[in-house]
Amino acid sequence: MNPKIRNALGLVCVALAVFGCTKAVIIEPDSGGSINRIIKYDPDMQAIMFTHCITCHGGSAPSAGISLTTYQNTRFQTEEGKLLDRINNESMPMPPSGLISPEERQIIAKWVSDGYLEQ
């Protein structure tokens, strides 16, 4: 191969590696300060999970082994930081179809700040 072509291809590869990488952007929802009520798993969080999450993260073989069908599982995933990270990640959102509404993300943040209340 011609050395000039090889060098040019090398530069293109380096440029793609540097500029092609994306960085996950975490959008921190309002900490729930604009929600003036106590948020509980049942009914608030459960409704969000059932609307957006359990299609993939439910049943006998949940995606990535993560079930979000119960209070305990949802709380665990939230306390571990995985749920909050993924619902706020623009480049790899959960659900994969796109970020859930800011209002729903505020409800989740308020549930955390309220202390993961169940009922």
PDB file of N, CA and C in Angstrom:
ATOM      1  N   MET A   1       0.842  -1.175   0.000  1.00  0.00           N
ATOM      2  CA  MET A   1       0.000   0.000   0.000  1.00  0.00           C
ATOM      3  C   MET A   1       0.889   1.239   0.000  1.00  0.00           C
ATOM      4  N   ASN A   2       0.482   2.209  -0.740  1.00  0.00           N
ATOM      5  CA  ASN A   2       1.197   3.468  -0.831  1.00  0.00           C
ATOM      6  C   ASN A   2       1.313   4.089   0.568  1.00  0.00           C
ATOM      7  N   PRO A   3       2.512   4.512   0.977  1.00  0.00           N
ATOM      8  CA  PRO A   3       2.695   5.088   2.320  1.00  0.00           C
ATOM      9  C   PRO A   3       1.819   6.315   2.575  1.00  0.00           C
ATOM     10  N   LYS A   4       1.578   7.131   1.558  1.00  0.00           N
ATOM     11  CA  LYS A   4       0.726   8.321   1.748  1.00  0.00           C
ATOM     12  C   LYS A   4      -0.711   7.904   2.041  1.00  0.00           C
ATOM     13  N   ILE A   5      -1.194   6.889   1.336  1.00  0.00           N
ATOM     14  CA  ILE A   5      -2.558   6.401   1.570  1.00  0.00           C
ATOM     15  C   ILE A   5      -2.659   5.774   2.957  1.00  0.00           C
ATOM     16  N   ARG A   6      -1.637   4.999   3.326  1.00  0.00           N
ATOM     17  CA  ARG A   6      -1.630   4.371   4.645  1.00  0.00           C
ATOM     18  C   ARG A   6      -1.644   5.428   5.743  1.00  0.00           C
ATOM     19  N   ASN A   7      -0.841   6.489   5.576  1.00  0.00           N
ATOM     20  CA  ASN A   7      -0.807   7.571   6.561  1.00  0.00           C
ATOM     21  C   ASN A   7      -2.150   8.298   6.622  1.00  0.00           C
ATOM     22  N   ALA A   8      -2.738   8.535   5.458  1.00  0.00           N
ATOM     23  CA  ALA A   8      -4.032   9.212   5.408  1.00  0.00           C
ATOM     24  C   ALA A   8      -5.106   8.367   6.102  1.00  0.00           C
ATOM     25  N   LEU A   9      -5.097   7.057   5.854  1.00  0.00           N
ATOM     26  CA  LEU A   9      -6.060   6.167   6.504  1.00  0.00           C
ATOM     27  C   LEU A   9      -5.835   6.138   8.018  1.00  0.00           C
ATOM     28  N   GLY A  10      -4.578   6.170   8.412  1.00  0.00           N
ATOM     29  CA  GLY A  10      -4.259   6.201   9.837  1.00  0.00           C
ATOM     30  C   GLY A  10      -4.809   7.450  10.506  1.00  0.00           C
ATOM     31  N   LEU A  11      -4.655   8.589   9.838  1.00  0.00           N
ATOM     32  CA  LEU A  11      -5.179   9.848  10.382  1.00  0.00           C
ATOM     33  C   LEU A  11      -6.703   9.815  10.459  1.00  0.00           C
ATOM     34  N   VAL A  12      -7.345   9.256   9.462  1.00  0.00           N
ATOM     35  CA  VAL A  12      -8.810   9.143   9.476  1.00  0.00           C
ATOM     36  C   VAL A  12      -9.256   8.272  10.647  1.00  0.00           C
ATOM     37  N   CYS A  13      -8.571   7.161  10.857  1.00  0.00           N
ATOM     38  CA  CYS A  13      -8.916   6.267  11.970  1.00  0.00           C
ATOM     39  C   CYS A  13      -8.750   6.973  13.314  1.00  0.00           C
ATOM     40  N   VAL A  14      -7.663   7.702  13.467  1.00  0.00           N
ATOM     41  CA  VAL A  14      -7.439   8.435  14.717  1.00  0.00           C
ATOM     42  C   VAL A  14      -8.530   9.492  14.904  1.00  0.00           C
ATOM     43  N   ALA A  15      -8.856  10.220  13.843  1.00  0.00           N
ATOM     44  CA  ALA A  15      -9.894  11.248  13.940  1.00  0.00           C
ATOM     45  C   ALA A  15     -11.233  10.631  14.315  1.00  0.00           C
ATOM     46  N   LEU A  16     -11.578   9.502  13.715  1.00  0.00           N
ATOM     47  CA  LEU A  16     -12.832   8.832  14.055  1.00  0.00           C
ATOM     48  C   LEU A  16     -12.828   8.368  15.506  1.00  0.00           C
ATOM     49  N   ALA A  17     -11.704   7.869  15.954  1.00  0.00           N
ATOM     50  CA  ALA A  17     -11.621   7.403  17.340  1.00  0.00           C
ATOM     51  C   ALA A  17     -11.794   8.551  18.322  1.00  0.00           C
ATOM     52  N   VAL A  18     -11.192   9.689  18.004  1.00  0.00           N
ATOM     53  CA  VAL A  18     -11.256  10.833  18.911  1.00  0.00           C
ATOM     54  C   VAL A  18     -12.609  11.527  18.842  1.00  0.00           C
ATOM     55  N   PHE A  19     -13.076  11.812  17.640  1.00  0.00           N
ATOM     56  CA  PHE A  19     -14.289  12.593  17.493  1.00  0.00           C
ATOM     57  C   PHE A  19     -15.552  11.745  17.413  1.00  0.00           C
ATOM     58  N   GLY A  20     -15.398  10.452  17.219  1.00  0.00           N
ATOM     59  CA  GLY A  20     -16.569   9.586  17.109  1.00  0.00           C
ATOM     60  C   GLY A  20     -17.079   9.110  18.455  1.00  0.00           C
ATOM     61  N   CYS A  21     -16.282   9.280  19.484  1.00  0.00           N
ATOM     62  CA  CYS A  21     -16.712   8.845  20.810  1.00  0.00           C
ATOM     63  C   CYS A  21     -17.754   9.808  21.345  1.00  0.00           C
ATOM     64  N   THR A  22     -18.757   9.249  21.978  1.00  0.00           N
ATOM     65  CA  THR A  22     -19.770  10.098  22.593  1.00  0.00           C
ATOM     66  C   THR A  22     -19.675   9.961  24.089  1.00  0.00           C
ATOM     67  N   LYS A  23     -20.100  10.957  24.743  1.00  0.00           N
ATOM     68  CA  LYS A  23     -20.097  10.965  26.186  1.00  0.00           C
ATOM     69  C   LYS A  23     -21.535  10.975  26.653  1.00  0.00           C
ATOM     70  N   ALA A  24     -21.861  10.115  27.588  1.00  0.00           N
ATOM     71  CA  ALA A  24     -23.214  10.094  28.130  1.00  0.00           C
ATOM     72  C   ALA A  24     -23.460  11.407  28.851  1.00  0.00           C
ATOM     73  N   VAL A  25     -24.583  11.983  28.593  1.00  0.00           N
ATOM     74  CA  VAL A  25     -24.953  13.227  29.237  1.00  0.00           C
ATOM     75  C   VAL A  25     -26.037  12.918  30.254  1.00  0.00           C
ATOM     76  N   ILE A  26     -25.730  13.158  31.484  1.00  0.00           N
ATOM     77  CA  ILE A  26     -26.698  12.909  32.534  1.00  0.00           C
ATOM     78  C   ILE A  26     -27.434  14.214  32.816  1.00  0.00           C
ATOM     79  N   ILE A  27     -28.721  14.119  32.687  1.00  0.00           N
ATOM     80  CA  ILE A  27     -29.552  15.277  32.987  1.00  0.00           C
ATOM     81  C   ILE A  27     -30.123  15.058  34.374  1.00  0.00           C
ATOM     82  N   GLU A  28     -29.765  15.895  35.291  1.00  0.00           N
ATOM     83  CA  GLU A  28     -30.290  15.763  36.630  1.00  0.00           C
ATOM     84  C   GLU A  28     -31.658  16.431  36.673  1.00  0.00           C
ATOM     85  N   PRO A  29     -32.679  15.630  36.943  1.00  0.00           N
ATOM     86  CA  PRO A  29     -33.985  16.252  37.051  1.00  0.00           C
ATOM     87  C   PRO A  29     -34.042  17.093  38.308  1.00  0.00           C
ATOM     88  N   ASP A  30     -34.988  17.982  38.349  1.00  0.00           N
ATOM     89  CA  ASP A  30     -35.238  18.747  39.554  1.00  0.00           C
ATOM     90  C   ASP A  30     -35.317  17.743  40.703  1.00  0.00           C
ATOM     91  N   SER A  31     -34.779  18.058  41.827  1.00  0.00           N
ATOM     92  CA  SER A  31     -34.771  17.118  42.942  1.00  0.00           C
ATOM     93  C   SER A  31     -36.158  16.849  43.477  1.00  0.00           C
ATOM     94  N   GLY A  32     -37.154  17.259  42.755  1.00  0.00           N
ATOM     95  CA  GLY A  32     -38.514  17.016  43.188  1.00  0.00           C
ATOM     96  C   GLY A  32     -39.092  18.195  43.930  1.00  0.00           C
ATOM     97  N   GLY A  33     -38.331  19.279  44.022  1.00  0.00           N
ATOM     98  CA  GLY A  33     -38.775  20.436  44.779  1.00  0.00           C
ATOM     99  C   GLY A  33     -40.067  21.043  44.267  1.00  0.00           C
ATOM    100  N   SER A  34     -40.370  20.865  42.996  1.00  0.00           N
ATOM    101  CA  SER A  34     -41.600  21.450  42.464  1.00  0.00           C
ATOM    102  C   SER A  34     -42.807  20.546  42.686  1.00  0.00           C
ATOM    103  N   ILE A  35     -42.589  19.346  43.213  1.00  0.00           N
ATOM    104  CA  ILE A  35     -43.689  18.438  43.520  1.00  0.00           C
ATOM    105  C   ILE A  35     -44.043  18.646  44.982  1.00  0.00           C
ATOM    106  N   ASN A  36     -45.276  19.017  45.229  1.00  0.00           N
ATOM    107  CA  ASN A  36     -45.689  19.395  46.574  1.00  0.00           C
ATOM    108  C   ASN A  36     -46.452  18.305  47.308  1.00  0.00           C
ATOM    109  N   ARG A  37     -46.116  17.070  47.024  1.00  0.00           N
ATOM    110  CA  ARG A  37     -46.753  15.960  47.727  1.00  0.00           C
ATOM    111  C   ARG A  37     -45.715  14.868  47.943  1.00  0.00           C
ATOM    112  N   ILE A  38     -46.000  13.980  48.859  1.00  0.00           N
ATOM    113  CA  ILE A  38     -45.104  12.856  49.130  1.00  0.00           C
ATOM    114  C   ILE A  38     -45.299  11.818  48.038  1.00  0.00           C
ATOM    115  N   ILE A  39     -44.190  11.311  47.518  1.00  0.00           N
ATOM    116  CA  ILE A  39     -44.216  10.303  46.453  1.00  0.00           C
ATOM    117  C   ILE A  39     -43.972   8.935  47.079  1.00  0.00           C
ATOM    118  N   LYS A  40     -44.801   7.982  46.688  1.00  0.00           N
ATOM    119  CA  LYS A  40     -44.686   6.610  47.184  1.00  0.00           C
ATOM    120  C   LYS A  40     -44.590   5.660  45.994  1.00  0.00           C
ATOM    121  N   TYR A  41     -44.037   4.476  46.266  1.00  0.00           N
ATOM    122  CA  TYR A  41     -43.936   3.481  45.204  1.00  0.00           C
ATOM    123  C   TYR A  41     -45.319   3.168  44.640  1.00  0.00           C
ATOM    124  N   ASP A  42     -46.249   2.869  45.546  1.00  0.00           N
ATOM    125  CA  ASP A  42     -47.617   2.551  45.131  1.00  0.00           C
ATOM    126  C   ASP A  42     -48.491   3.722  45.535  1.00  0.00           C
ATOM    127  N   PRO A  43     -48.945   4.496  44.561  1.00  0.00           N
ATOM    128  CA  PRO A  43     -49.135   4.227  43.151  1.00  0.00           C
ATOM    129  C   PRO A  43     -48.146   4.926  42.217  1.00  0.00           C
ATOM    130  N   ASP A  44     -47.384   5.920  42.703  1.00  0.00           N
ATOM    131  CA  ASP A  44     -46.614   6.807  41.819  1.00  0.00           C
ATOM    132  C   ASP A  44     -45.534   6.093  41.018  1.00  0.00           C
ATOM    133  N   MET A  45     -44.582   5.482  41.700  1.00  0.00           N
ATOM    134  CA  MET A  45     -43.471   4.811  41.022  1.00  0.00           C
ATOM    135  C   MET A  45     -43.945   3.589  40.253  1.00  0.00           C
ATOM    136  N   GLN A  46     -44.844   2.843  40.841  1.00  0.00           N
ATOM    137  CA  GLN A  46     -45.341   1.634  40.194  1.00  0.00           C
ATOM    138  C   GLN A  46     -45.953   1.964  38.833  1.00  0.00           C
ATOM    139  N   ALA A  47     -46.688   3.060  38.757  1.00  0.00           N
ATOM    140  CA  ALA A  47     -47.296   3.454  37.483  1.00  0.00           C
ATOM    141  C   ALA A  47     -46.229   3.761  36.434  1.00  0.00           C
ATOM    142  N   ILE A  48     -45.164   4.432  36.835  1.00  0.00           N
ATOM    143  CA  ILE A  48     -44.079   4.754  35.895  1.00  0.00           C
ATOM    144  C   ILE A  48     -43.381   3.471  35.451  1.00  0.00           C
ATOM    145  N   MET A  49     -43.080   2.594  36.382  1.00  0.00           N
ATOM    146  CA  MET A  49     -42.405   1.334  36.052  1.00  0.00           C
ATOM    147  C   MET A  49     -43.265   0.496  35.107  1.00  0.00           C
ATOM    148  N   PHE A  50     -44.553   0.408  35.384  1.00  0.00           N
ATOM    149  CA  PHE A  50     -45.421  -0.407  34.548  1.00  0.00           C
ATOM    150  C   PHE A  50     -45.630   0.217  33.175  1.00  0.00           C
ATOM    151  N   THR A  51     -45.605   1.530  33.087  1.00  0.00           N
ATOM    152  CA  THR A  51     -45.771   2.205  31.799  1.00  0.00           C
ATOM    153  C   THR A  51     -44.525   2.101  30.925  1.00  0.00           C
ATOM    154  N   HIS A  52     -43.344   2.248  31.521  1.00  0.00           N
ATOM    155  CA  HIS A  52     -42.125   2.391  30.727  1.00  0.00           C
ATOM    156  C   HIS A  52     -41.116   1.250  30.844  1.00  0.00           C
ATOM    157  N   CYS A  53     -41.189   0.441  31.889  1.00  0.00           N
ATOM    158  CA  CYS A  53     -40.060  -0.443  32.180  1.00  0.00           C
ATOM    159  C   CYS A  53     -40.338  -1.939  32.111  1.00  0.00           C
ATOM    160  N   ILE A  54     -41.495  -2.375  32.589  1.00  0.00           N
ATOM    161  CA  ILE A  54     -41.650  -3.820  32.762  1.00  0.00           C
ATOM    162  C   ILE A  54     -41.849  -4.592  31.464  1.00  0.00           C
ATOM    163  N   THR A  55     -42.084  -3.899  30.371  1.00  0.00           N
ATOM    164  CA  THR A  55     -42.139  -4.627  29.101  1.00  0.00           C
ATOM    165  C   THR A  55     -40.838  -5.393  28.898  1.00  0.00           C
ATOM    166  N   CYS A  56     -39.719  -4.765  29.202  1.00  0.00           N
ATOM    167  CA  CYS A  56     -38.405  -5.419  29.077  1.00  0.00           C
ATOM    168  C   CYS A  56     -37.900  -5.959  30.415  1.00  0.00           C
ATOM    169  N   HIS A  57     -38.185  -5.238  31.498  1.00  0.00           N
ATOM    170  CA  HIS A  57     -37.637  -5.590  32.812  1.00  0.00           C
ATOM    171  C   HIS A  57     -38.702  -6.228  33.699  1.00  0.00           C
ATOM    172  N   GLY A  58     -39.402  -7.200  33.133  1.00  0.00           N
ATOM    173  CA  GLY A  58     -40.413  -7.941  33.869  1.00  0.00           C
ATOM    174  C   GLY A  58     -40.471  -9.361  33.345  1.00  0.00           C
ATOM    175  N   GLY A  59     -41.368 -10.138  33.878  1.00  0.00           N
ATOM    176  CA  GLY A  59     -41.536 -11.503  33.406  1.00  0.00           C
ATOM    177  C   GLY A  59     -40.468 -12.441  33.932  1.00  0.00           C
ATOM    178  N   SER A  60     -40.417 -13.634  33.348  1.00  0.00           N
ATOM    179  CA  SER A  60     -39.512 -14.670  33.842  1.00  0.00           C
ATOM    180  C   SER A  60     -38.065 -14.482  33.385  1.00  0.00           C
ATOM    181  N   ALA A  61     -37.844 -13.695  32.342  1.00  0.00           N
ATOM    182  CA  ALA A  61     -36.478 -13.458  31.848  1.00  0.00           C
ATOM    183  C   ALA A  61     -36.288 -11.966  31.555  1.00  0.00           C
ATOM    184  N   PRO A  62     -36.212 -11.143  32.613  1.00  0.00           N
ATOM    185  CA  PRO A  62     -36.087  -9.703  32.392  1.00  0.00           C
ATOM    186  C   PRO A  62     -34.765  -9.325  31.731  1.00  0.00           C
ATOM    187  N   SER A  63     -34.808  -8.297  30.915  1.00  0.00           N
ATOM    188  CA  SER A  63     -33.624  -7.810  30.214  1.00  0.00           C
ATOM    189  C   SER A  63     -32.510  -7.487  31.212  1.00  0.00           C
ATOM    190  N   ALA A  64     -31.301  -7.921  30.892  1.00  0.00           N
ATOM    191  CA  ALA A  64     -30.096  -7.712  31.708  1.00  0.00           C
ATOM    192  C   ALA A  64     -30.251  -8.288  33.115  1.00  0.00           C
ATOM    193  N   GLY A  65     -31.245  -9.159  33.311  1.00  0.00           N
ATOM    194  CA  GLY A  65     -31.468  -9.742  34.622  1.00  0.00           C
ATOM    195  C   GLY A  65     -32.025  -8.767  35.635  1.00  0.00           C
ATOM    196  N   ILE A  66     -32.531  -7.623  35.144  1.00  0.00           N
ATOM    197  CA  ILE A  66     -33.046  -6.583  36.032  1.00  0.00           C
ATOM    198  C   ILE A  66     -34.564  -6.579  35.967  1.00  0.00           C
ATOM    199  N   SER A  67     -35.174  -6.957  37.069  1.00  0.00           N
ATOM    200  CA  SER A  67     -36.630  -6.920  37.166  1.00  0.00           C
ATOM    201  C   SER A  67     -37.037  -5.659  37.919  1.00  0.00           C
ATOM    202  N   LEU A  68     -37.997  -4.952  37.363  1.00  0.00           N
ATOM    203  CA  LEU A  68     -38.508  -3.741  38.011  1.00  0.00           C
ATOM    204  C   LEU A  68     -39.998  -3.882  38.323  1.00  0.00           C
ATOM    205  N   THR A  69     -40.406  -5.092  38.643  1.00  0.00           N
ATOM    206  CA  THR A  69     -41.826  -5.353  38.862  1.00  0.00           C
ATOM    207  C   THR A  69     -42.251  -5.221  40.314  1.00  0.00           C
ATOM    208  N   THR A  70     -41.284  -5.106  41.227  1.00  0.00           N
ATOM    209  CA  THR A  70     -41.635  -5.014  42.646  1.00  0.00           C
ATOM    210  C   THR A  70     -40.998  -3.784  43.279  1.00  0.00           C
ATOM    211  N   TYR A  71     -41.539  -3.424  44.421  1.00  0.00           N
ATOM    212  CA  TYR A  71     -40.980  -2.325  45.199  1.00  0.00           C
ATOM    213  C   TYR A  71     -39.516  -2.604  45.538  1.00  0.00           C
ATOM    214  N   GLN A  72     -39.230  -3.821  46.055  1.00  0.00           N
ATOM    215  CA  GLN A  72     -37.870  -4.149  46.485  1.00  0.00           C
ATOM    216  C   GLN A  72     -36.875  -4.050  45.327  1.00  0.00           C
ATOM    217  N   ASN A  73     -37.218  -4.588  44.183  1.00  0.00           N
ATOM    218  CA  ASN A  73     -36.304  -4.556  43.035  1.00  0.00           C
ATOM    219  C   ASN A  73     -36.090  -3.129  42.535  1.00  0.00           C
ATOM    220  N   THR A  74     -37.155  -2.364  42.466  1.00  0.00           N
ATOM    221  CA  THR A  74     -37.047  -0.979  41.999  1.00  0.00           C
ATOM    222  C   THR A  74     -36.215  -0.154  42.963  1.00  0.00           C
ATOM    223  N   ARG A  75     -36.447  -0.331  44.252  1.00  0.00           N
ATOM    224  CA  ARG A  75     -35.662   0.398  45.244  1.00  0.00           C
ATOM    225  C   ARG A  75     -34.190   0.016  45.146  1.00  0.00           C
ATOM    226  N   PHE A  76     -33.888  -1.282  45.032  1.00  0.00           N
ATOM    227  CA  PHE A  76     -32.501  -1.725  44.931  1.00  0.00           C
ATOM    228  C   PHE A  76     -31.813  -1.087  43.723  1.00  0.00           C
ATOM    229  N   GLN A  77     -32.440  -1.133  42.561  1.00  0.00           N
ATOM    230  CA  GLN A  77     -31.840  -0.569  41.348  1.00  0.00           C
ATOM    231  C   GLN A  77     -31.662   0.943  41.473  1.00  0.00           C
ATOM    232  N   THR A  78     -32.559   1.591  42.182  1.00  0.00           N
ATOM    233  CA  THR A  78     -32.456   3.039  42.381  1.00  0.00           C
ATOM    234  C   THR A  78     -31.351   3.366  43.376  1.00  0.00           C
ATOM    235  N   GLU A  79     -31.288   2.635  44.475  1.00  0.00           N
ATOM    236  CA  GLU A  79     -30.238   2.876  45.482  1.00  0.00           C
ATOM    237  C   GLU A  79     -28.846   2.612  44.919  1.00  0.00           C
ATOM    238  N   GLU A  80     -28.739   1.639  44.039  1.00  0.00           N
ATOM    239  CA  GLU A  80     -27.459   1.331  43.404  1.00  0.00           C
ATOM    240  C   GLU A  80     -27.065   2.405  42.387  1.00  0.00           C
ATOM    241  N   GLY A  81     -27.993   3.287  42.050  1.00  0.00           N
ATOM    242  CA  GLY A  81     -27.718   4.370  41.114  1.00  0.00           C
ATOM    243  C   GLY A  81     -27.963   4.033  39.666  1.00  0.00           C
ATOM    244  N   LYS A  82     -28.224   2.774  39.377  1.00  0.00           N
ATOM    245  CA  LYS A  82     -28.375   2.361  37.989  1.00  0.00           C
ATOM    246  C   LYS A  82     -29.646   2.917  37.364  1.00  0.00           C
ATOM    247  N   LEU A  83     -30.732   2.901  38.087  1.00  0.00           N
ATOM    248  CA  LEU A  83     -31.992   3.373  37.515  1.00  0.00           C
ATOM    249  C   LEU A  83     -31.925   4.867  37.216  1.00  0.00           C
ATOM    250  N   LEU A  84     -31.456   5.649  38.172  1.00  0.00           N
ATOM    251  CA  LEU A  84     -31.373   7.093  37.956  1.00  0.00           C
ATOM    252  C   LEU A  84     -30.411   7.443  36.824  1.00  0.00           C
ATOM    253  N   ASP A  85     -29.292   6.747  36.764  1.00  0.00           N
ATOM    254  CA  ASP A  85     -28.329   7.005  35.691  1.00  0.00           C
ATOM    255  C   ASP A  85     -28.956   6.736  34.324  1.00  0.00           C
ATOM    256  N   ARG A  86     -29.638   5.618  34.202  1.00  0.00           N
ATOM    257  CA  ARG A  86     -30.163   5.241  32.887  1.00  0.00           C
ATOM    258  C   ARG A  86     -31.352   6.086  32.446  1.00  0.00           C
ATOM    259  N   ILE A  87     -32.210   6.481  33.369  1.00  0.00           N
ATOM    260  CA  ILE A  87     -33.368   7.281  32.939  1.00  0.00           C
ATOM    261  C   ILE A  87     -32.974   8.706  32.594  1.00  0.00           C
ATOM    262  N   ASN A  88     -31.756   9.101  32.963  1.00  0.00           N
ATOM    263  CA  ASN A  88     -31.276  10.453  32.669  1.00  0.00           C
ATOM    264  C   ASN A  88     -30.174  10.486  31.620  1.00  0.00           C
ATOM    265  N   ASN A  89     -29.870   9.362  31.024  1.00  0.00           N
ATOM    266  CA  ASN A  89     -28.763   9.259  30.073  1.00  0.00           C
ATOM    267  C   ASN A  89     -29.282   9.468  28.652  1.00  0.00           C
ATOM    268  N   GLU A  90     -28.961  10.607  28.057  1.00  0.00           N
ATOM    269  CA  GLU A  90     -29.460  10.924  26.712  1.00  0.00           C
ATOM    270  C   GLU A  90     -28.883  10.026  25.632  1.00  0.00           C
ATOM    271  N   SER A  91     -27.643   9.585  25.794  1.00  0.00           N
ATOM    272  CA  SER A  91     -27.043   8.798  24.723  1.00  0.00           C
ATOM    273  C   SER A  91     -27.396   7.313  24.811  1.00  0.00           C
ATOM    274  N   MET A  92     -27.757   6.822  25.989  1.00  0.00           N
ATOM    275  CA  MET A  92     -28.194   5.429  26.146  1.00  0.00           C
ATOM    276  C   MET A  92     -29.376   5.402  27.111  1.00  0.00           C
ATOM    277  N   PRO A  93     -30.486   5.995  26.697  1.00  0.00           N
ATOM    278  CA  PRO A  93     -31.608   6.144  27.642  1.00  0.00           C
ATOM    279  C   PRO A  93     -32.338   4.839  27.922  1.00  0.00           C
ATOM    280  N   MET A  94     -33.008   4.838  29.022  1.00  0.00           N
ATOM    281  CA  MET A  94     -33.980   3.804  29.349  1.00  0.00           C
ATOM    282  C   MET A  94     -35.277   4.547  29.615  1.00  0.00           C
ATOM    283  N   PRO A  95     -36.303   4.168  28.919  1.00  0.00           N
ATOM    284  CA  PRO A  95     -36.365   3.115  27.920  1.00  0.00           C
ATOM    285  C   PRO A  95     -35.586   3.508  26.656  1.00  0.00           C
ATOM    286  N   PRO A  96     -35.206   2.512  25.840  1.00  0.00           N
ATOM    287  CA  PRO A  96     -34.409   2.787  24.642  1.00  0.00           C
ATOM    288  C   PRO A  96     -35.085   3.730  23.653  1.00  0.00           C
ATOM    289  N   SER A  97     -36.402   3.848  23.724  1.00  0.00           N
ATOM    290  CA  SER A  97     -37.121   4.737  22.807  1.00  0.00           C
ATOM    291  C   SER A  97     -36.882   6.205  23.111  1.00  0.00           C
ATOM    292  N   GLY A  98     -36.318   6.519  24.257  1.00  0.00           N
ATOM    293  CA  GLY A  98     -36.027   7.903  24.616  1.00  0.00           C
ATOM    294  C   GLY A  98     -36.338   8.179  26.069  1.00  0.00           C
ATOM    295  N   LEU A  99     -35.847   9.299  26.532  1.00  0.00           N
ATOM    296  CA  LEU A  99     -36.045   9.668  27.933  1.00  0.00           C
ATOM    297  C   LEU A  99     -37.523   9.781  28.265  1.00  0.00           C
ATOM    298  N   ILE A 100     -37.859   9.357  29.480  1.00  0.00           N
ATOM    299  CA  ILE A 100     -39.226   9.575  29.934  1.00  0.00           C
ATOM    300  C   ILE A 100     -39.376  11.065  30.236  1.00  0.00           C
ATOM    301  N   SER A 101     -40.576  11.500  30.453  1.00  0.00           N
ATOM    302  CA  SER A 101     -40.830  12.935  30.612  1.00  0.00           C
ATOM    303  C   SER A 101     -40.088  13.510  31.818  1.00  0.00           C
ATOM    304  N   PRO A 102     -39.768  14.791  31.759  1.00  0.00           N
ATOM    305  CA  PRO A 102     -39.132  15.435  32.916  1.00  0.00           C
ATOM    306  C   PRO A 102     -39.988  15.307  34.178  1.00  0.00           C
ATOM    307  N   GLU A 103     -41.287  15.365  34.022  1.00  0.00           N
ATOM    308  CA  GLU A 103     -42.179  15.247  35.177  1.00  0.00           C
ATOM    309  C   GLU A 103     -42.035  13.881  35.841  1.00  0.00           C
ATOM    310  N   GLU A 104     -41.952  12.815  35.026  1.00  0.00           N
ATOM    311  CA  GLU A 104     -41.800  11.476  35.584  1.00  0.00           C
ATOM    312  C   GLU A 104     -40.426  11.312  36.230  1.00  0.00           C
ATOM    313  N   ARG A 105     -39.407  11.908  35.640  1.00  0.00           N
ATOM    314  CA  ARG A 105     -38.080  11.847  36.254  1.00  0.00           C
ATOM    315  C   ARG A 105     -38.059  12.624  37.562  1.00  0.00           C
ATOM    316  N   GLN A 106     -38.829  13.706  37.647  1.00  0.00           N
ATOM    317  CA  GLN A 106     -38.940  14.452  38.905  1.00  0.00           C
ATOM    318  C   GLN A 106     -39.645  13.619  39.969  1.00  0.00           C
ATOM    319  N   ILE A 107     -40.652  12.870  39.560  1.00  0.00           N
ATOM    320  CA  ILE A 107     -41.352  11.997  40.508  1.00  0.00           C
ATOM    321  C   ILE A 107     -40.374  10.969  41.078  1.00  0.00           C
ATOM    322  N   ILE A 108     -39.552  10.389  40.210  1.00  0.00           N
ATOM    323  CA  ILE A 108     -38.577   9.395  40.673  1.00  0.00           C
ATOM    324  C   ILE A 108     -37.574  10.049  41.622  1.00  0.00           C
ATOM    325  N   ALA A 109     -37.076  11.220  41.278  1.00  0.00           N
ATOM    326  CA  ALA A 109     -36.132  11.929  42.147  1.00  0.00           C
ATOM    327  C   ALA A 109     -36.782  12.277  43.485  1.00  0.00           C
ATOM    328  N   LYS A 110     -38.039  12.656  43.453  1.00  0.00           N
ATOM    329  CA  LYS A 110     -38.757  13.001  44.698  1.00  0.00           C
ATOM    330  C   LYS A 110     -38.983  11.746  45.537  1.00  0.00           C
ATOM    331  N   TRP A 111     -39.247  10.605  44.889  1.00  0.00           N
ATOM    332  CA  TRP A 111     -39.397   9.349  45.617  1.00  0.00           C
ATOM    333  C   TRP A 111     -38.113   9.053  46.390  1.00  0.00           C
ATOM    334  N   VAL A 112     -36.978   9.262  45.754  1.00  0.00           N
ATOM    335  CA  VAL A 112     -35.683   9.052  46.422  1.00  0.00           C
ATOM    336  C   VAL A 112     -35.539  10.022  47.587  1.00  0.00           C
ATOM    337  N   SER A 113     -35.789  11.309  47.339  1.00  0.00           N
ATOM    338  CA  SER A 113     -35.609  12.301  48.420  1.00  0.00           C
ATOM    339  C   SER A 113     -36.629  12.128  49.537  1.00  0.00           C
ATOM    340  N   ASP A 114     -37.775  11.538  49.240  1.00  0.00           N
ATOM    341  CA  ASP A 114     -38.785  11.257  50.276  1.00  0.00           C
ATOM    342  C   ASP A 114     -38.454  10.009  51.081  1.00  0.00           C
ATOM    343  N   GLY A 115     -37.445   9.242  50.646  1.00  0.00           N
ATOM    344  CA  GLY A 115     -37.010   8.089  51.434  1.00  0.00           C
ATOM    345  C   GLY A 115     -37.526   6.748  50.949  1.00  0.00           C
ATOM    346  N   TYR A 116     -37.820   6.620  49.673  1.00  0.00           N
ATOM    347  CA  TYR A 116     -38.244   5.344  49.069  1.00  0.00           C
ATOM    348  C   TYR A 116     -39.481   4.761  49.745  1.00  0.00           C
ATOM    349  N   LEU A 117     -40.472   5.593  49.980  1.00  0.00           N
ATOM    350  CA  LEU A 117     -41.681   5.123  50.650  1.00  0.00           C
ATOM    351  C   LEU A 117     -42.421   4.120  49.782  1.00  0.00           C
ATOM    352  N   GLU A 118     -42.954   3.085  50.423  1.00  0.00           N
ATOM    353  CA  GLU A 118     -43.636   2.040  49.669  1.00  0.00           C
ATOM    354  C   GLU A 118     -45.112   2.367  49.453  1.00  0.00           C
ATOM    355  N   GLN A 119     -45.841   2.669  50.526  1.00  0.00           N
ATOM    356  CA  GLN A 119     -47.282   2.953  50.412  1.00  0.00           C
ATOM    357  C   GLN A 119     -47.647   4.118  51.298  1.00  0.00           C
TER     358      GLN A 119
END
